């Protein structure tokens, strides 16, 4: 039971990491700067 739970947790973490990477790439839109996503989306605010 515990092993299954750990496996499920690791899969969820992997999915979250890949999703965050895809979102950051989309937010960068070809920009190679290390700016946070919130700054690019929020603009001056």
C-alpha atoms as a PDB file:
ATOM      1  CA  UNK A   1       0.000   0.000   0.000  1.00  0.00           C
ATOM      2  CA  UNK A   2       2.737   2.459   0.951  1.00  0.00           C
ATOM      3  CA  UNK A   3       4.807   1.590  -2.099  1.00  0.00           C
ATOM      4  CA  UNK A   4       1.853   2.330  -4.376  1.00  0.00           C
ATOM      5  CA  UNK A   5       1.317   5.673  -2.663  1.00  0.00           C
ATOM      6  CA  UNK A   6       4.984   6.635  -3.089  1.00  0.00           C
ATOM      7  CA  UNK A   7       4.835   5.681  -6.767  1.00  0.00           C
ATOM      8  CA  UNK A   8       1.708   7.788  -7.265  1.00  0.00           C
ATOM      9  CA  UNK A   9       3.327  10.731  -5.477  1.00  0.00           C
ATOM     10  CA  UNK A  10       6.441  10.559  -7.653  1.00  0.00           C
ATOM     11  CA  UNK A  11       4.313  10.446 -10.814  1.00  0.00           C
ATOM     12  CA  UNK A  12       2.355  13.507  -9.654  1.00  0.00           C
ATOM     13  CA  UNK A  13       5.586  15.372  -8.863  1.00  0.00           C
ATOM     14  CA  UNK A  14       7.016  14.513 -12.287  1.00  0.00           C
ATOM     15  CA  UNK A  15       3.843  15.738 -13.991  1.00  0.00           C
ATOM     16  CA  UNK A  16       3.927  18.982 -12.009  1.00  0.00           C
ATOM     17  CA  UNK A  17       7.591  19.595 -12.855  1.00  0.00           C
ATOM     18  CA  UNK A  18       7.035  18.987 -16.569  1.00  0.00           C
ATOM     19  CA  UNK A  19       3.951  21.230 -16.509  1.00  0.00           C
ATOM     20  CA  UNK A  20       5.898  24.035 -14.808  1.00  0.00           C
ATOM     21  CA  UNK A  21       8.697  23.668 -17.376  1.00  0.00           C
ATOM     22  CA  UNK A  22       6.224  23.880 -20.274  1.00  0.00           C
ATOM     23  CA  UNK A  23       4.529  26.929 -18.739  1.00  0.00           C
ATOM     24  CA  UNK A  24       7.868  28.671 -18.161  1.00  0.00           C
ATOM     25  CA  UNK A  25       8.933  27.974 -21.761  1.00  0.00           C
ATOM     26  CA  UNK A  26       5.618  29.327 -23.055  1.00  0.00           C
ATOM     27  CA  UNK A  27       5.887  32.393 -20.807  1.00  0.00           C
ATOM     28  CA  UNK A  28       9.452  33.051 -21.972  1.00  0.00           C
ATOM     29  CA  UNK A  29       8.272  32.891 -25.616  1.00  0.00           C
ATOM     30  CA  UNK A  30      11.762  32.380 -27.007  1.00  0.00           C
ATOM     31  CA  UNK A  31      13.322  34.786 -24.504  1.00  0.00           C
ATOM     32  CA  UNK A  32      16.417  33.257 -22.887  1.00  0.00           C
ATOM     33  CA  UNK A  33      16.540  35.642 -19.907  1.00  0.00           C
ATOM     34  CA  UNK A  34      16.188  34.292 -16.370  1.00  0.00           C
ATOM     35  CA  UNK A  35      13.279  36.586 -15.477  1.00  0.00           C
ATOM     36  CA  UNK A  36      10.502  35.087 -13.356  1.00  0.00           C
ATOM     37  CA  UNK A  37       7.219  34.326 -15.075  1.00  0.00           C
ATOM     38  CA  UNK A  38       5.259  36.702 -12.832  1.00  0.00           C
ATOM     39  CA  UNK A  39       7.384  39.662 -13.959  1.00  0.00           C
ATOM     40  CA  UNK A  40       6.836  38.899 -17.644  1.00  0.00           C
ATOM     41  CA  UNK A  41       3.085  38.388 -17.228  1.00  0.00           C
ATOM     42  CA  UNK A  42       2.485  41.210 -14.743  1.00  0.00           C
ATOM     43  CA  UNK A  43       4.502  43.759 -16.711  1.00  0.00           C
ATOM     44  CA  UNK A  44       5.240  46.892 -14.708  1.00  0.00           C
ATOM     45  CA  UNK A  45       2.774  46.117 -11.927  1.00  0.00           C
END
